[in-house]
Amino acid sequence: MTRLKGIVFGLAVLAVLFGPLVAPYSPTAPVGPPFSPPGAAGLLGTDQLGRDVFSRLLHGGRPMLLTSALAALIGSAAGVAVGLFVALAAPGRRWVEAVVARPLDLLAAVPPILVLLLVLTALPNRAGIVMAVALSSVPLSARITRAAGEQVTGRAHVEVAIARGESWTWLVGREVLPLVAGTVLADFGIRFVTAVHLVAAAGFLGLGTSASDWGLLIVEALPGAALQPWALLAPVAGIALVAVTANLASDGLARRSRGVLG
């Protein structure tokens, strides 16, 4: 079952990444009357300008997926680093709690969509999207990693390593991180799905990653949803498919990691 989840997620990723290569039409060229149903005008019909919905869907997936993955990776990596630092340094050092943990708690209290809007106001481009998503991911990843790390740092082998005077890099890489890898992988899956939703939301606001962003496709399909529902359902289903398969794949990786690490 786990292998099947990975295969489904892999196929979804391949379809998104290589979609532009197999798209039958240009994402900007009219191929039929506006809001034509699926058929002669295209597999999923046409949008309000007569463009092929299927081709636009294939062209818009790759930049959205890559932007989401990059933002989630940056946010998760920063969150894991901070979480492990707090888990190892906070005992006996009250300033770590005040200087590192409390500011992240404040950031976590701000809704991600508000963070997205504030950052895009100042930086309305793809870098702004990546920054906003990463900022939203750091506090939650740090909190989850810290909770997992604190269950490990009290173990005898970690205390012995600390008593031997091992460096922090050695402690994290050899003693702590392998034991929390499953939790980190599962959390990354959640951050990636959140990133997909936020990137799509940016597209919905007209600040997406491309002219065929799936969020933008949803907005453009709304006026003609009664005439051509496939133009609306296709990007919604695409986002849902990526989110569900990513979650299933991360759950499978987390379980496999726990099995390997014992």
C-alpha atoms as a PDB file:
ATOM      1  CA  MET A   1       0.000   0.000   0.000  1.00  0.00           C
ATOM      2  CA  THR A   2       2.871   2.340   0.901  1.00  0.00           C
ATOM      3  CA  ARG A   3       4.532   1.613  -2.438  1.00  0.00           C
ATOM      4  CA  LEU A   4       1.253   2.305  -4.223  1.00  0.00           C
ATOM      5  CA  LYS A   5       0.977   5.705  -2.496  1.00  0.00           C
ATOM      6  CA  GLY A   6       4.512   6.557  -3.558  1.00  0.00           C
ATOM      7  CA  ILE A   7       3.807   5.495  -7.136  1.00  0.00           C
ATOM      8  CA  VAL A   8       0.632   7.594  -7.277  1.00  0.00           C
ATOM      9  CA  PHE A   9       2.470  10.630  -5.888  1.00  0.00           C
ATOM     10  CA  GLY A  10       5.378  10.055  -8.283  1.00  0.00           C
ATOM     11  CA  LEU A  11       3.035   9.863 -11.265  1.00  0.00           C
ATOM     12  CA  ALA A  12       1.282  13.053 -10.144  1.00  0.00           C
ATOM     13  CA  VAL A  13       4.626  14.850  -9.812  1.00  0.00           C
ATOM     14  CA  LEU A  14       5.823  13.610 -13.216  1.00  0.00           C
ATOM     15  CA  ALA A  15       2.559  14.704 -14.834  1.00  0.00           C
ATOM     16  CA  VAL A  16       2.950  18.171 -13.356  1.00  0.00           C
ATOM     17  CA  LEU A  17       6.683  18.548 -14.077  1.00  0.00           C
ATOM     18  CA  PHE A  18       6.577  17.288 -17.662  1.00  0.00           C
ATOM     19  CA  GLY A  19       3.070  18.474 -18.471  1.00  0.00           C
ATOM     20  CA  PRO A  20       4.188  21.392 -20.687  1.00  0.00           C
ATOM     21  CA  LEU A  21       6.032  18.932 -22.953  1.00  0.00           C
ATOM     22  CA  VAL A  22       2.856  17.004 -23.770  1.00  0.00           C
ATOM     23  CA  ALA A  23       0.385  19.898 -23.780  1.00  0.00           C
ATOM     24  CA  PRO A  24      -1.507  19.850 -27.119  1.00  0.00           C
ATOM     25  CA  TYR A  25      -1.790  23.651 -27.405  1.00  0.00           C
ATOM     26  CA  SER A  26      -0.112  26.838 -26.274  1.00  0.00           C
ATOM     27  CA  PRO A  27      -1.523  28.074 -22.941  1.00  0.00           C
ATOM     28  CA  THR A  28      -2.184  31.502 -24.486  1.00  0.00           C
ATOM     29  CA  ALA A  29      -3.537  30.614 -27.960  1.00  0.00           C
ATOM     30  CA  PRO A  30      -7.322  30.550 -28.579  1.00  0.00           C
ATOM     31  CA  VAL A  31      -8.370  27.164 -29.943  1.00  0.00           C
ATOM     32  CA  GLY A  32     -12.162  27.485 -29.968  1.00  0.00           C
ATOM     33  CA  PRO A  33     -15.176  29.507 -28.838  1.00  0.00           C
ATOM     34  CA  PRO A  34     -15.165  30.726 -25.203  1.00  0.00           C
ATOM     35  CA  PHE A  35     -16.461  28.291 -22.573  1.00  0.00           C
ATOM     36  CA  SER A  36     -16.741  25.398 -25.002  1.00  0.00           C
ATOM     37  CA  PRO A  37     -17.452  22.031 -23.323  1.00  0.00           C
ATOM     38  CA  PRO A  38     -14.988  19.128 -23.553  1.00  0.00           C
ATOM     39  CA  GLY A  39     -14.869  17.695 -27.031  1.00  0.00           C
ATOM     40  CA  ALA A  40     -13.590  19.072 -30.291  1.00  0.00           C
ATOM     41  CA  ALA A  41     -12.236  22.208 -28.611  1.00  0.00           C
ATOM     42  CA  GLY A  42     -10.092  20.241 -26.157  1.00  0.00           C
ATOM     43  CA  LEU A  43     -10.050  17.485 -23.542  1.00  0.00           C
ATOM     44  CA  LEU A  44     -11.360  19.832 -20.837  1.00  0.00           C
ATOM     45  CA  GLY A  45     -12.954  22.447 -23.099  1.00  0.00           C
ATOM     46  CA  THR A  46     -11.980  26.114 -23.297  1.00  0.00           C
ATOM     47  CA  ASP A  47     -11.900  29.077 -20.922  1.00  0.00           C
ATOM     48  CA  GLN A  48     -13.368  32.579 -21.224  1.00  0.00           C
ATOM     49  CA  LEU A  49     -10.923  33.492 -24.024  1.00  0.00           C
ATOM     50  CA  GLY A  50     -11.237  30.228 -25.910  1.00  0.00           C
ATOM     51  CA  ARG A  51      -7.927  28.834 -24.630  1.00  0.00           C
ATOM     52  CA  ASP A  52      -7.490  25.102 -24.047  1.00  0.00           C
ATOM     53  CA  VAL A  53      -8.071  24.406 -20.330  1.00  0.00           C
ATOM     54  CA  PHE A  54      -6.088  21.139 -20.384  1.00  0.00           C
ATOM     55  CA  SER A  55      -3.022  22.833 -21.897  1.00  0.00           C
ATOM     56  CA  ARG A  56      -3.190  25.695 -19.404  1.00  0.00           C
ATOM     57  CA  LEU A  57      -3.486  23.183 -16.567  1.00  0.00           C
ATOM     58  CA  LEU A  58      -0.376  21.319 -17.739  1.00  0.00           C
ATOM     59  CA  HIS A  59       1.624  24.521 -18.175  1.00  0.00           C
ATOM     60  CA  GLY A  60       0.622  26.006 -14.827  1.00  0.00           C
ATOM     61  CA  GLY A  61       1.406  23.008 -12.627  1.00  0.00           C
ATOM     62  CA  ARG A  62       5.193  22.976 -12.850  1.00  0.00           C
ATOM     63  CA  PRO A  63       5.953  26.524 -11.622  1.00  0.00           C
ATOM     64  CA  MET A  64       3.374  26.149  -8.859  1.00  0.00           C
ATOM     65  CA  LEU A  65       4.746  22.804  -7.700  1.00  0.00           C
ATOM     66  CA  LEU A  66       8.394  23.906  -7.812  1.00  0.00           C
ATOM     67  CA  THR A  67       7.630  27.148  -5.962  1.00  0.00           C
ATOM     68  CA  SER A  68       5.691  25.231  -3.309  1.00  0.00           C
ATOM     69  CA  ALA A  69       8.448  22.653  -2.888  1.00  0.00           C
ATOM     70  CA  LEU A  70      11.155  25.303  -2.583  1.00  0.00           C
ATOM     71  CA  ALA A  71       9.182  27.325  -0.036  1.00  0.00           C
ATOM     72  CA  ALA A  72       8.302  24.247   2.002  1.00  0.00           C
ATOM     73  CA  LEU A  73      11.912  23.043   1.929  1.00  0.00           C
ATOM     74  CA  ILE A  74      13.281  26.388   3.132  1.00  0.00           C
ATOM     75  CA  GLY A  75      10.638  26.712   5.844  1.00  0.00           C
ATOM     76  CA  SER A  76      11.028  23.128   7.060  1.00  0.00           C
ATOM     77  CA  ALA A  77      14.833  23.265   7.052  1.00  0.00           C
ATOM     78  CA  ALA A  78      14.837  26.474   9.081  1.00  0.00           C
ATOM     79  CA  GLY A  79      12.176  25.099  11.425  1.00  0.00           C
ATOM     80  CA  VAL A  80      14.070  21.851  11.994  1.00  0.00           C
ATOM     81  CA  ALA A  81      17.310  23.747  12.714  1.00  0.00           C
ATOM     82  CA  VAL A  82      15.595  26.051  15.193  1.00  0.00           C
ATOM     83  CA  GLY A  83      13.596  23.247  16.810  1.00  0.00           C
ATOM     84  CA  LEU A  84      16.628  21.042  17.383  1.00  0.00           C
ATOM     85  CA  PHE A  85      18.625  24.004  18.678  1.00  0.00           C
ATOM     86  CA  VAL A  86      15.944  24.847  21.231  1.00  0.00           C
ATOM     87  CA  ALA A  87      15.534  21.187  22.229  1.00  0.00           C
ATOM     88  CA  LEU A  88      19.258  20.880  22.929  1.00  0.00           C
ATOM     89  CA  ALA A  89      19.992  24.364  24.277  1.00  0.00           C
ATOM     90  CA  ALA A  90      16.872  25.373  26.215  1.00  0.00           C
ATOM     91  CA  PRO A  91      17.452  23.115  29.271  1.00  0.00           C
ATOM     92  CA  GLY A  92      19.471  25.272  31.656  1.00  0.00           C
ATOM     93  CA  ARG A  93      19.409  28.321  29.365  1.00  0.00           C
ATOM     94  CA  ARG A  94      16.262  30.386  29.918  1.00  0.00           C
ATOM     95  CA  TRP A  95      17.358  33.030  27.404  1.00  0.00           C
ATOM     96  CA  VAL A  96      16.918  30.534  24.562  1.00  0.00           C
ATOM     97  CA  GLU A  97      13.234  30.268  25.359  1.00  0.00           C
ATOM     98  CA  ALA A  98      12.801  34.037  25.469  1.00  0.00           C
ATOM     99  CA  VAL A  99      14.970  34.955  22.476  1.00  0.00           C
ATOM    100  CA  VAL A 100      14.218  32.091  20.067  1.00  0.00           C
ATOM    101  CA  ALA A 101      11.005  30.288  21.001  1.00  0.00           C
ATOM    102  CA  ARG A 102       8.728  33.162  22.025  1.00  0.00           C
ATOM    103  CA  PRO A 103       9.167  35.213  18.779  1.00  0.00           C
ATOM    104  CA  LEU A 104       8.281  32.122  16.769  1.00  0.00           C
ATOM    105  CA  ASP A 105       5.162  31.646  18.889  1.00  0.00           C
ATOM    106  CA  LEU A 106       4.143  35.201  18.001  1.00  0.00           C
ATOM    107  CA  LEU A 107       4.726  34.517  14.303  1.00  0.00           C
ATOM    108  CA  ALA A 108       2.699  31.312  14.544  1.00  0.00           C
ATOM    109  CA  ALA A 109      -0.242  33.332  15.862  1.00  0.00           C
ATOM    110  CA  VAL A 110      -0.478  35.277  12.587  1.00  0.00           C
ATOM    111  CA  PRO A 111      -2.687  33.486  10.019  1.00  0.00           C
ATOM    112  CA  PRO A 112      -0.607  32.258   7.042  1.00  0.00           C
ATOM    113  CA  ILE A 113      -2.860  34.010   4.532  1.00  0.00           C
ATOM    114  CA  LEU A 114      -2.231  37.320   6.355  1.00  0.00           C
ATOM    115  CA  VAL A 115       1.518  36.693   6.248  1.00  0.00           C
ATOM    116  CA  LEU A 116       1.158  36.029   2.516  1.00  0.00           C
ATOM    117  CA  LEU A 117      -0.728  39.272   1.941  1.00  0.00           C
ATOM    118  CA  LEU A 118       1.696  41.371   3.991  1.00  0.00           C
ATOM    119  CA  VAL A 119       4.781  39.977   2.269  1.00  0.00           C
ATOM    120  CA  LEU A 120       3.273  40.210  -1.222  1.00  0.00           C
ATOM    121  CA  THR A 121       2.359  43.827  -0.568  1.00  0.00           C
ATOM    122  CA  ALA A 122       6.049  44.609  -0.217  1.00  0.00           C
ATOM    123  CA  LEU A 123       7.411  41.954  -2.579  1.00  0.00           C
ATOM    124  CA  PRO A 124       4.786  41.038  -5.231  1.00  0.00           C
ATOM    125  CA  ASN A 125       6.702  38.332  -7.087  1.00  0.00           C
ATOM    126  CA  ARG A 126       7.723  34.696  -6.767  1.00  0.00           C
ATOM    127  CA  ALA A 127      10.428  35.497  -4.219  1.00  0.00           C
ATOM    128  CA  GLY A 128       7.747  37.103  -2.060  1.00  0.00           C
ATOM    129  CA  ILE A 129       5.598  33.976  -2.299  1.00  0.00           C
ATOM    130  CA  VAL A 130       8.523  31.768  -1.275  1.00  0.00           C
ATOM    131  CA  MET A 131       9.384  34.079   1.623  1.00  0.00           C
ATOM    132  CA  ALA A 132       5.790  34.251   2.873  1.00  0.00           C
ATOM    133  CA  VAL A 133       5.281  30.491   2.750  1.00  0.00           C
ATOM    134  CA  ALA A 134       8.633  29.833   4.409  1.00  0.00           C
ATOM    135  CA  LEU A 135       7.851  32.325   7.205  1.00  0.00           C
ATOM    136  CA  SER A 136       4.534  30.600   7.801  1.00  0.00           C
ATOM    137  CA  SER A 137       6.196  27.183   7.949  1.00  0.00           C
ATOM    138  CA  VAL A 138       9.104  27.925  10.282  1.00  0.00           C
ATOM    139  CA  PRO A 139       7.218  28.309  13.610  1.00  0.00           C
ATOM    140  CA  LEU A 140       5.156  25.129  13.238  1.00  0.00           C
ATOM    141  CA  SER A 141       8.049  23.018  11.972  1.00  0.00           C
ATOM    142  CA  ALA A 142      10.208  24.331  14.821  1.00  0.00           C
ATOM    143  CA  ARG A 143       7.581  23.513  17.421  1.00  0.00           C
ATOM    144  CA  ILE A 144       6.996  19.976  16.133  1.00  0.00           C
ATOM    145  CA  THR A 145      10.716  19.262  15.785  1.00  0.00           C
ATOM    146  CA  ARG A 146      11.388  20.635  19.242  1.00  0.00           C
ATOM    147  CA  ALA A 147       8.717  18.388  20.757  1.00  0.00           C
ATOM    148  CA  ALA A 148      10.204  15.369  19.004  1.00  0.00           C
ATOM    149  CA  GLY A 149      13.755  16.400  19.880  1.00  0.00           C
ATOM    150  CA  GLU A 150      13.007  16.845  23.579  1.00  0.00           C
ATOM    151  CA  GLN A 151      11.942  13.190  23.755  1.00  0.00           C
ATOM    152  CA  VAL A 152      15.387  12.214  22.488  1.00  0.00           C
ATOM    153  CA  THR A 153      17.739  14.659  24.204  1.00  0.00           C
ATOM    154  CA  GLY A 154      17.058  13.105  27.634  1.00  0.00           C
ATOM    155  CA  ARG A 155      18.149   9.632  26.544  1.00  0.00           C
ATOM    156  CA  ALA A 156      21.283   8.129  27.965  1.00  0.00           C
ATOM    157  CA  HIS A 157      23.222   7.941  24.700  1.00  0.00           C
ATOM    158  CA  VAL A 158      22.688  11.672  24.083  1.00  0.00           C
ATOM    159  CA  GLU A 159      23.718  12.593  27.621  1.00  0.00           C
ATOM    160  CA  VAL A 160      26.819  10.432  27.280  1.00  0.00           C
ATOM    161  CA  ALA A 161      27.667  12.158  23.977  1.00  0.00           C
ATOM    162  CA  ILE A 162      27.256  15.564  25.628  1.00  0.00           C
ATOM    163  CA  ALA A 163      29.458  14.435  28.540  1.00  0.00           C
ATOM    164  CA  ARG A 164      32.124  13.340  26.035  1.00  0.00           C
ATOM    165  CA  GLY A 165      32.129  16.887  24.690  1.00  0.00           C
ATOM    166  CA  GLU A 166      30.841  16.062  21.214  1.00  0.00           C
ATOM    167  CA  SER A 167      30.109  19.029  18.962  1.00  0.00           C
ATOM    168  CA  TRP A 168      26.561  20.178  18.270  1.00  0.00           C
ATOM    169  CA  THR A 169      26.897  19.119  14.652  1.00  0.00           C
ATOM    170  CA  TRP A 170      27.824  15.599  15.735  1.00  0.00           C
ATOM    171  CA  LEU A 171      25.033  15.472  18.321  1.00  0.00           C
ATOM    172  CA  VAL A 172      22.383  16.577  15.865  1.00  0.00           C
ATOM    173  CA  GLY A 173      23.612  14.492  12.934  1.00  0.00           C
ATOM    174  CA  ARG A 174      24.422  11.258  14.788  1.00  0.00           C
ATOM    175  CA  GLU A 175      22.294  11.152  17.914  1.00  0.00           C
ATOM    176  CA  VAL A 176      19.158  13.260  17.500  1.00  0.00           C
ATOM    177  CA  LEU A 177      18.182  13.818  13.871  1.00  0.00           C
ATOM    178  CA  PRO A 178      18.026  10.125  12.876  1.00  0.00           C
ATOM    179  CA  LEU A 179      15.538   9.493  15.684  1.00  0.00           C
ATOM    180  CA  VAL A 180      13.237  12.358  14.702  1.00  0.00           C
ATOM    181  CA  ALA A 181      13.541  11.875  10.937  1.00  0.00           C
ATOM    182  CA  GLY A 182      10.116  10.254  10.655  1.00  0.00           C
ATOM    183  CA  THR A 183       8.455  13.188  12.382  1.00  0.00           C
ATOM    184  CA  VAL A 184      10.391  15.661  10.235  1.00  0.00           C
ATOM    185  CA  LEU A 185       9.358  13.876   7.011  1.00  0.00           C
ATOM    186  CA  ALA A 186       5.712  13.775   8.029  1.00  0.00           C
ATOM    187  CA  ASP A 187       5.830  17.454   8.948  1.00  0.00           C
ATOM    188  CA  PHE A 188       7.452  18.309   5.617  1.00  0.00           C
ATOM    189  CA  GLY A 189       4.532  16.687   3.829  1.00  0.00           C
ATOM    190  CA  ILE A 190       2.126  18.916   5.745  1.00  0.00           C
ATOM    191  CA  ARG A 191       4.229  22.024   5.046  1.00  0.00           C
ATOM    192  CA  PHE A 192       4.324  21.159   1.345  1.00  0.00           C
ATOM    193  CA  VAL A 193       0.555  20.825   1.177  1.00  0.00           C
ATOM    194  CA  THR A 194       0.158  24.132   3.023  1.00  0.00           C
ATOM    195  CA  ALA A 195       2.609  25.683   0.571  1.00  0.00           C
ATOM    196  CA  VAL A 196       0.556  24.425  -2.387  1.00  0.00           C
ATOM    197  CA  HIS A 197      -2.562  26.001  -0.910  1.00  0.00           C
ATOM    198  CA  LEU A 198      -0.831  29.329  -0.226  1.00  0.00           C
ATOM    199  CA  VAL A 199       0.768  29.472  -3.676  1.00  0.00           C
ATOM    200  CA  ALA A 200      -2.632  28.742  -5.220  1.00  0.00           C
ATOM    201  CA  ALA A 201      -4.116  31.499  -3.032  1.00  0.00           C
ATOM    202  CA  ALA A 202      -1.507  33.914  -4.387  1.00  0.00           C
ATOM    203  CA  GLY A 203      -2.574  32.922  -7.899  1.00  0.00           C
ATOM    204  CA  PHE A 204      -6.183  33.460  -6.894  1.00  0.00           C
ATOM    205  CA  LEU A 205      -5.207  37.033  -5.992  1.00  0.00           C
ATOM    206  CA  GLY A 206      -3.549  37.528  -9.365  1.00  0.00           C
ATOM    207  CA  LEU A 207       0.012  37.184  -8.008  1.00  0.00           C
ATOM    208  CA  GLY A 208       0.667  33.619  -9.070  1.00  0.00           C
ATOM    209  CA  THR A 209       3.754  31.888 -10.358  1.00  0.00           C
ATOM    210  CA  SER A 210       2.726  32.006 -14.042  1.00  0.00           C
ATOM    211  CA  ALA A 211       0.002  33.139 -16.451  1.00  0.00           C
ATOM    212  CA  SER A 212      -1.504  29.642 -16.103  1.00  0.00           C
ATOM    213  CA  ASP A 213      -1.291  29.384 -12.306  1.00  0.00           C
ATOM    214  CA  TRP A 214      -3.956  27.028 -10.995  1.00  0.00           C
ATOM    215  CA  GLY A 215      -5.254  29.666  -8.584  1.00  0.00           C
ATOM    216  CA  LEU A 216      -5.619  32.085 -11.492  1.00  0.00           C
ATOM    217  CA  LEU A 217      -7.406  29.392 -13.528  1.00  0.00           C
ATOM    218  CA  ILE A 218      -9.966  29.061 -10.724  1.00  0.00           C
ATOM    219  CA  VAL A 219     -10.641  32.813 -10.660  1.00  0.00           C
ATOM    220  CA  GLU A 220     -10.976  33.040 -14.425  1.00  0.00           C
ATOM    221  CA  ALA A 221     -13.350  30.055 -14.544  1.00  0.00           C
ATOM    222  CA  LEU A 222     -15.766  31.361 -11.911  1.00  0.00           C
ATOM    223  CA  PRO A 223     -17.849  33.664 -14.188  1.00  0.00           C
ATOM    224  CA  GLY A 224     -18.539  30.811 -16.636  1.00  0.00           C
ATOM    225  CA  ALA A 225     -18.777  27.970 -14.117  1.00  0.00           C
ATOM    226  CA  ALA A 226     -22.398  27.263 -15.073  1.00  0.00           C
ATOM    227  CA  LEU A 227     -21.522  27.027 -18.775  1.00  0.00           C
ATOM    228  CA  GLN A 228     -18.181  25.243 -18.526  1.00  0.00           C
ATOM    229  CA  PRO A 229     -17.739  23.654 -15.070  1.00  0.00           C
ATOM    230  CA  TRP A 230     -14.695  21.645 -16.199  1.00  0.00           C
ATOM    231  CA  ALA A 231     -12.625  24.829 -16.408  1.00  0.00           C
ATOM    232  CA  LEU A 232     -13.270  25.304 -12.682  1.00  0.00           C
ATOM    233  CA  LEU A 233     -13.164  21.686 -11.559  1.00  0.00           C
ATOM    234  CA  ALA A 234      -9.886  20.821 -13.310  1.00  0.00           C
ATOM    235  CA  PRO A 235      -7.540  23.144 -11.322  1.00  0.00           C
ATOM    236  CA  VAL A 236      -9.422  22.413  -8.090  1.00  0.00           C
ATOM    237  CA  ALA A 237      -9.015  18.676  -8.674  1.00  0.00           C
ATOM    238  CA  GLY A 238      -5.343  19.199  -9.557  1.00  0.00           C
ATOM    239  CA  ILE A 239      -4.642  20.966  -6.265  1.00  0.00           C
ATOM    240  CA  ALA A 240      -6.554  18.307  -4.340  1.00  0.00           C
ATOM    241  CA  LEU A 241      -4.693  15.475  -6.114  1.00  0.00           C
ATOM    242  CA  VAL A 242      -1.276  16.978  -5.331  1.00  0.00           C
ATOM    243  CA  ALA A 243      -2.254  17.600  -1.693  1.00  0.00           C
ATOM    244  CA  VAL A 244      -3.705  14.154  -1.046  1.00  0.00           C
ATOM    245  CA  THR A 245      -0.911  12.212  -2.744  1.00  0.00           C
ATOM    246  CA  ALA A 246       1.759  14.314  -0.989  1.00  0.00           C
ATOM    247  CA  ASN A 247       0.198  13.591   2.393  1.00  0.00           C
ATOM    248  CA  LEU A 248      -0.097   9.876   1.673  1.00  0.00           C
ATOM    249  CA  ALA A 249       3.489   9.693   0.436  1.00  0.00           C
ATOM    250  CA  SER A 250       4.870  11.557   3.479  1.00  0.00           C
ATOM    251  CA  ASP A 251       2.917   9.289   5.835  1.00  0.00           C
ATOM    252  CA  GLY A 252       4.361   6.259   4.085  1.00  0.00           C
ATOM    253  CA  LEU A 253       7.908   7.633   4.291  1.00  0.00           C
ATOM    254  CA  ALA A 254       7.445   8.435   7.984  1.00  0.00           C
ATOM    255  CA  ARG A 255       6.281   4.904   8.768  1.00  0.00           C
ATOM    256  CA  ARG A 256       9.118   3.371   6.765  1.00  0.00           C
ATOM    257  CA  SER A 257      11.624   5.633   8.516  1.00  0.00           C
ATOM    258  CA  ARG A 258      10.360   4.563  11.938  1.00  0.00           C
ATOM    259  CA  GLY A 259      10.651   0.949  10.891  1.00  0.00           C
ATOM    260  CA  VAL A 260      14.247   1.379   9.745  1.00  0.00           C
ATOM    261  CA  LEU A 261      15.291   3.314  12.818  1.00  0.00           C
ATOM    262  CA  GLY A 262      13.543   1.001  15.181  1.00  0.00           C
END
